Amino acid sequence: MISSLPFAPPFATPADAPVGVFDSGVGGLSVLRHIRAQLPDEHLLYFADSAYAPYGAQTEAVLTERSLAIAAFLVGRGAKALVVACNTATIAGIKAVRARYPQLPVVGVEPGLKPGAAASGNGKVAVLATASALRGEKFLSLREQISAATGVSFHLQPCVGLADQIDKGELDTPATRALLERYIAPLIAEGVDTLVLGCTHYPFVLAGIQAVVRAHTAAPVSVLDTGEAVARQLSRLLEAAGLRRAGGTPAGLHGYTSAAAASLSGPFAGLLGLTPPVTAVSV
């Protein structure tokens, strides 16, 4: 059962306050799904910055500004912790968010390079992500470090337009299938045995990704979703800070978006089967 949260609720204790989660659009709902599974008693606020999507087309300065503005909004709604449920925003803006709110647990989406290297049998790992995420200085430095330490070769594949298709709800259309074929088939031809989903949107087209893999090889190919690790890290940080909410009453969920409310309420229902209240706001 899900209860709604009022717009700016008073909370009896810090532990009863919500966790704020945000993304450029609906991709972060894949992370929200893992958080709800692992922390079913937590109140949650979800912000979709759809008016500024796609984040992959934005500059790092804009992404940092948006991350700080959304974080301020969620903190203003009483958030006790923040989850940057977007790979591109994590790379560009999480450092600034942590500096602005040093008292709050802040969790970002890791690029999945270490688990990708660990999962690979032949040392060929592909990272599917936005072009902006793959250009990030921190990401490229980490790639070089892990590659040097493990001998793994990382194939970086920008998936231009794929997050847009998912935001539009086009999970299994000819256009989306064509994009998946274009981006994944060459990687399989190169012998990649592990695909890291480096964008939180991509788990929603997992079936399509697996279909392309099966069409091009009979060999096993691992596909890694980093959302579960984000939920585990959030759980650890809340526990360490004494901020885990006790059960007993239904957990609340409220959605916010910088675009029209329907742009989020539809994906909530279609992707997660949920119908929480959604409010359009200017941030």
Protein backbone atom coordinates (compact mmCIF):
# COMPACT_ATOMS: atom_id res chain seq x y z
CA MET A 1 0.00 0.00 0.00
CA ILE A 2 1.25 3.49 -0.84
CA SER A 3 0.13 6.63 0.90
CA SER A 4 0.53 10.12 -0.48
CA LEU A 5 2.79 12.71 1.09
CA PRO A 6 1.59 16.28 1.53
CA PHE A 7 3.50 18.97 -0.34
CA ALA A 8 5.71 20.05 2.56
CA PRO A 9 4.99 17.65 5.42
CA PRO A 10 6.09 18.03 9.03
CA PHE A 11 7.90 14.91 10.19
CA ALA A 12 7.82 13.59 13.74
CA THR A 13 11.49 12.52 13.68
CA PRO A 14 14.39 12.84 11.23
CA ALA A 15 14.06 9.12 10.49
CA ASP A 16 10.45 9.64 9.42
CA ALA A 17 11.52 12.16 6.75
CA PRO A 18 11.59 11.09 3.08
CA VAL A 19 14.45 10.18 0.79
CA GLY A 20 14.68 12.43 -2.27
CA VAL A 21 15.48 10.80 -5.62
CA PHE A 22 16.00 12.66 -8.90
CA ASP A 23 16.81 12.07 -12.55
CA SER A 24 16.57 13.87 -15.87
CA GLY A 25 13.34 12.02 -16.57
CA VAL A 26 11.91 8.59 -15.88
CA GLY A 27 15.13 6.58 -15.96
CA GLY A 28 15.61 7.03 -12.23
CA LEU A 29 12.42 5.05 -11.70
CA SER A 30 14.57 1.96 -12.28
CA VAL A 31 16.60 2.99 -9.21
CA LEU A 32 13.44 3.89 -7.29
CA ARG A 33 12.21 0.35 -7.97
CA HIS A 34 15.29 -1.10 -6.24
CA ILE A 35 15.00 1.35 -3.34
CA ARG A 36 11.36 0.41 -2.74
CA ALA A 37 12.29 -3.28 -2.83
CA GLN A 38 15.15 -2.96 -0.35
CA LEU A 39 13.73 -0.16 1.84
CA PRO A 40 9.95 -0.64 1.72
CA ASP A 41 9.30 1.46 4.83
CA GLU A 42 10.93 4.65 3.53
CA HIS A 43 8.94 7.68 2.39
CA LEU A 44 10.15 8.68 -1.08
CA LEU A 45 10.07 11.83 -3.19
CA TYR A 46 10.89 11.46 -6.88
CA PHE A 47 11.78 14.42 -9.12
CA ALA A 48 11.86 14.07 -12.92
CA ASP A 49 13.59 17.05 -14.55
CA SER A 50 11.89 16.37 -17.87
CA ALA A 51 11.78 20.03 -18.93
CA TYR A 52 15.58 19.96 -19.14
CA ALA A 53 15.99 16.49 -20.65
CA PRO A 54 17.96 15.00 -22.20
CA TYR A 55 20.80 15.59 -19.77
CA GLY A 56 23.25 14.07 -22.24
CA ALA A 57 22.87 17.18 -24.40
CA GLN A 58 23.55 19.62 -21.54
CA THR A 59 26.88 21.13 -20.49
CA GLU A 60 28.48 20.15 -17.21
CA ALA A 61 27.81 23.64 -15.84
CA VAL A 62 24.09 23.35 -16.60
CA LEU A 63 23.93 19.86 -15.06
CA THR A 64 25.62 21.08 -11.89
CA GLU A 65 23.18 23.99 -11.67
CA ARG A 66 20.19 21.70 -12.19
CA SER A 67 21.46 19.18 -9.64
CA LEU A 68 21.84 21.90 -7.01
CA ALA A 69 18.41 23.41 -7.78
CA ILE A 70 16.63 20.05 -7.54
CA ALA A 71 18.54 19.08 -4.41
CA ALA A 72 17.44 22.37 -2.81
CA PHE A 73 13.84 21.66 -3.76
CA LEU A 74 13.91 18.17 -2.25
CA VAL A 75 15.67 19.34 0.90
CA GLY A 76 13.00 22.01 1.16
CA ARG A 77 10.44 19.19 1.17
CA GLY A 78 12.21 17.65 4.14
CA ALA A 79 14.47 15.11 2.42
CA LYS A 80 16.82 13.38 4.89
CA ALA A 81 18.96 11.88 2.10
CA LEU A 82 19.41 12.37 -1.64
CA VAL A 83 19.87 9.89 -4.46
CA VAL A 84 21.18 11.24 -7.76
CA ALA A 85 19.55 8.52 -9.87
CA CYS A 86 21.19 9.62 -13.11
CA ASN A 87 24.65 8.64 -14.33
CA THR A 88 25.18 11.88 -16.23
CA ALA A 89 24.12 14.09 -13.30
CA THR A 90 26.21 12.02 -10.89
CA ILE A 91 29.33 12.61 -12.93
CA ALA A 92 28.65 16.34 -13.38
CA GLY A 93 26.91 17.43 -10.21
CA ILE A 94 27.18 15.11 -7.23
CA LYS A 95 30.39 16.69 -5.92
CA ALA A 96 28.66 20.07 -5.74
CA VAL A 97 25.57 18.57 -4.07
CA ARG A 98 27.69 16.88 -1.41
CA ALA A 99 29.58 20.12 -0.78
CA ARG A 100 26.30 22.05 -0.43
CA TYR A 101 24.72 19.46 1.94
CA PRO A 102 27.57 17.85 3.92
CA GLN A 103 25.13 16.79 6.63
CA LEU A 104 23.05 14.61 4.30
CA PRO A 105 23.73 11.12 2.95
CA VAL A 106 24.06 11.61 -0.83
CA VAL A 107 24.24 8.57 -3.10
CA GLY A 108 25.08 8.65 -6.78
CA VAL A 109 25.01 6.09 -9.55
CA GLU A 110 28.37 4.40 -9.96
CA PRO A 111 29.53 3.76 -13.52
CA GLY A 112 29.66 -0.02 -12.98
CA LEU A 113 33.22 -0.43 -14.25
CA LYS A 114 34.46 -2.50 -11.31
CA PRO A 115 31.55 -4.97 -11.30
CA GLY A 116 31.77 -5.10 -15.08
CA ALA A 117 35.43 -6.05 -14.93
CA ALA A 118 34.69 -8.65 -12.24
CA ALA A 119 31.87 -10.19 -14.28
CA SER A 120 33.78 -10.48 -17.54
CA GLY A 121 35.32 -13.78 -18.51
CA ASN A 122 37.26 -12.58 -21.54
CA GLY A 123 38.19 -9.06 -20.46
CA LYS A 124 35.95 -7.28 -22.97
CA VAL A 125 33.35 -5.03 -21.33
CA ALA A 126 31.04 -2.51 -22.99
CA VAL A 127 29.55 0.49 -21.21
CA LEU A 128 26.29 1.79 -22.66
CA ALA A 129 25.66 5.40 -21.61
CA THR A 130 24.95 8.92 -22.79
CA ALA A 131 27.68 10.70 -24.70
CA SER A 132 28.02 13.23 -21.89
CA ALA A 133 28.54 10.56 -19.24
CA LEU A 134 31.22 8.84 -21.31
CA ARG A 135 33.10 12.12 -21.71
CA GLY A 136 33.30 12.75 -17.96
CA GLU A 137 36.85 13.27 -16.69
CA LYS A 138 36.22 11.25 -13.51
CA PHE A 139 34.73 8.39 -15.52
CA LEU A 140 37.60 8.28 -18.01
CA SER A 141 40.17 8.38 -15.22
CA LEU A 142 38.45 5.51 -13.43
CA ARG A 143 38.32 3.52 -16.66
CA GLU A 144 42.06 3.89 -17.11
CA GLN A 145 42.76 2.88 -13.50
CA ILE A 146 40.59 -0.25 -13.64
CA SER A 147 41.83 -1.21 -17.08
CA ALA A 148 45.45 -0.92 -15.93
CA ALA A 149 44.77 -2.94 -12.78
CA THR A 150 42.71 -5.71 -14.39
CA GLY A 151 43.72 -5.79 -18.05
CA VAL A 152 40.06 -5.40 -19.01
CA SER A 153 39.30 -3.53 -22.21
CA PHE A 154 36.33 -1.15 -21.91
CA HIS A 155 34.33 -0.38 -25.05
CA LEU A 156 32.45 2.89 -24.58
CA GLN A 157 29.18 3.08 -26.52
CA PRO A 158 27.21 6.34 -26.51
CA CYS A 159 23.53 5.54 -27.06
CA VAL A 160 22.27 8.79 -28.55
CA GLY A 161 18.48 9.03 -28.51
CA LEU A 162 17.82 5.89 -26.44
CA ALA A 163 16.95 7.68 -23.20
CA ASP A 164 14.59 9.94 -25.18
CA GLN A 165 12.73 6.89 -26.50
CA ILE A 166 12.33 5.53 -22.98
CA ASP A 167 11.13 8.89 -21.64
CA LYS A 168 8.45 8.80 -24.36
CA GLY A 169 7.40 5.33 -23.26
CA GLU A 170 8.60 3.72 -26.49
CA LEU A 171 10.17 0.64 -24.94
CA ASP A 172 9.46 -1.84 -27.72
CA THR A 173 8.89 0.08 -30.94
CA PRO A 174 10.67 -0.30 -34.29
CA ALA A 175 12.63 2.91 -33.63
CA THR A 176 13.84 1.73 -30.23
CA ARG A 177 14.69 -1.73 -31.51
CA ALA A 178 16.67 -0.12 -34.35
CA LEU A 179 18.69 1.93 -31.87
CA LEU A 180 19.46 -1.13 -29.76
CA GLU A 181 20.53 -3.07 -32.84
CA ARG A 182 22.75 -0.20 -33.99
CA TYR A 183 24.50 0.17 -30.66
CA ILE A 184 24.75 -3.41 -29.38
CA ALA A 185 25.29 -5.60 -32.44
CA PRO A 186 28.80 -4.20 -33.19
CA LEU A 187 29.82 -4.78 -29.57
CA ILE A 188 28.79 -8.42 -29.74
CA ALA A 189 30.71 -8.74 -33.01
CA GLU A 190 33.80 -7.49 -31.18
CA GLY A 191 33.42 -10.28 -28.62
CA VAL A 192 32.16 -8.28 -25.66
CA ASP A 193 30.85 -10.62 -22.95
CA THR A 194 29.58 -8.02 -20.47
CA LEU A 195 27.29 -5.02 -21.01
CA VAL A 196 27.16 -2.38 -18.28
CA LEU A 197 24.00 -0.27 -18.32
CA GLY A 198 25.58 3.12 -17.66
CA CYS A 199 22.29 5.03 -17.75
CA THR A 200 19.40 4.46 -15.36
CA HIS A 201 16.95 4.58 -18.27
CA TYR A 202 18.34 1.47 -19.91
CA PRO A 203 17.05 -1.25 -17.52
CA PHE A 204 13.59 -0.50 -18.89
CA VAL A 205 14.65 -1.86 -22.29
CA LEU A 206 16.47 -4.87 -20.86
CA ALA A 207 14.26 -7.28 -22.82
CA GLY A 208 15.18 -5.52 -26.05
CA ILE A 209 18.88 -5.55 -25.18
CA GLN A 210 18.76 -9.26 -24.46
CA ALA A 211 16.91 -9.89 -27.72
CA VAL A 212 19.67 -8.21 -29.71
CA VAL A 213 22.31 -10.21 -27.84
CA ARG A 214 20.51 -13.50 -28.55
CA ALA A 215 20.17 -12.60 -32.21
CA HIS A 216 23.94 -12.21 -32.59
CA THR A 217 25.51 -14.79 -30.32
CA ALA A 218 24.76 -18.02 -28.49
CA ALA A 219 27.50 -17.26 -25.96
CA PRO A 220 26.47 -15.94 -22.53
CA VAL A 221 26.60 -12.15 -22.16
CA SER A 222 26.13 -10.54 -18.76
CA VAL A 223 24.03 -7.36 -18.49
CA LEU A 224 24.64 -5.30 -15.35
CA ASP A 225 22.12 -2.91 -13.76
CA THR A 226 23.76 -0.71 -11.10
CA GLY A 227 20.48 0.33 -9.45
CA GLU A 228 20.57 -2.47 -6.90
CA ALA A 229 23.99 -1.34 -5.67
CA VAL A 230 22.66 2.22 -5.25
CA ALA A 231 19.84 0.94 -3.03
CA ARG A 232 22.30 -1.09 -0.94
CA GLN A 233 24.54 1.93 -0.44
CA LEU A 234 21.56 4.08 0.55
CA SER A 235 20.52 1.45 3.07
CA ARG A 236 24.02 1.38 4.58
CA LEU A 237 24.23 5.17 4.87
CA LEU A 238 20.78 5.52 6.45
CA GLU A 239 21.59 2.75 8.93
CA ALA A 240 24.94 4.34 9.84
CA ALA A 241 23.28 7.72 10.41
CA GLY A 242 20.40 6.28 12.44
CA LEU A 243 17.94 7.44 9.79
CA ARG A 244 16.19 4.20 8.85
CA ARG A 245 12.44 4.66 9.16
CA ALA A 246 10.56 2.17 11.30
CA GLY A 247 7.60 0.38 9.75
CA GLY A 248 4.07 0.29 11.05
CA THR A 249 2.47 2.86 8.77
CA PRO A 250 2.41 2.87 4.95
CA ALA A 251 5.37 4.44 3.19
CA GLY A 252 4.52 7.54 1.18
CA LEU A 253 5.51 8.32 -2.39
CA HIS A 254 5.12 11.65 -4.19
CA GLY A 255 6.30 12.58 -7.66
CA TYR A 256 7.41 15.99 -8.92
CA THR A 257 8.34 17.06 -12.41
CA SER A 258 9.55 20.21 -14.14
CA ALA A 259 7.32 19.30 -17.10
CA ALA A 260 3.61 18.40 -17.25
CA ALA A 261 2.37 16.06 -14.52
CA ALA A 262 1.29 13.50 -17.14
CA SER A 263 4.91 13.13 -18.26
CA LEU A 264 5.63 11.41 -14.93
CA SER A 265 2.29 9.95 -13.86
CA GLY A 266 2.11 7.93 -17.09
CA PRO A 267 5.56 6.32 -16.63
CA PHE A 268 4.84 5.68 -12.94
CA ALA A 269 1.85 3.61 -14.01
CA GLY A 270 3.32 2.09 -17.15
CA LEU A 271 6.79 1.22 -15.83
CA LEU A 272 6.15 0.53 -12.14
CA GLY A 273 2.41 -0.05 -11.91
CA LEU A 274 2.10 2.77 -9.36
CA THR A 275 -0.27 5.74 -9.15
CA PRO A 276 1.22 8.19 -6.66
CA PRO A 277 0.28 11.86 -6.70
CA VAL A 278 2.41 13.87 -9.14
CA THR A 279 2.91 17.62 -8.98
CA ALA A 280 4.30 19.83 -11.76
CA VAL A 281 6.62 22.46 -10.29
CA SER A 282 8.93 25.19 -11.53
CA VAL A 283 12.45 24.67 -10.20
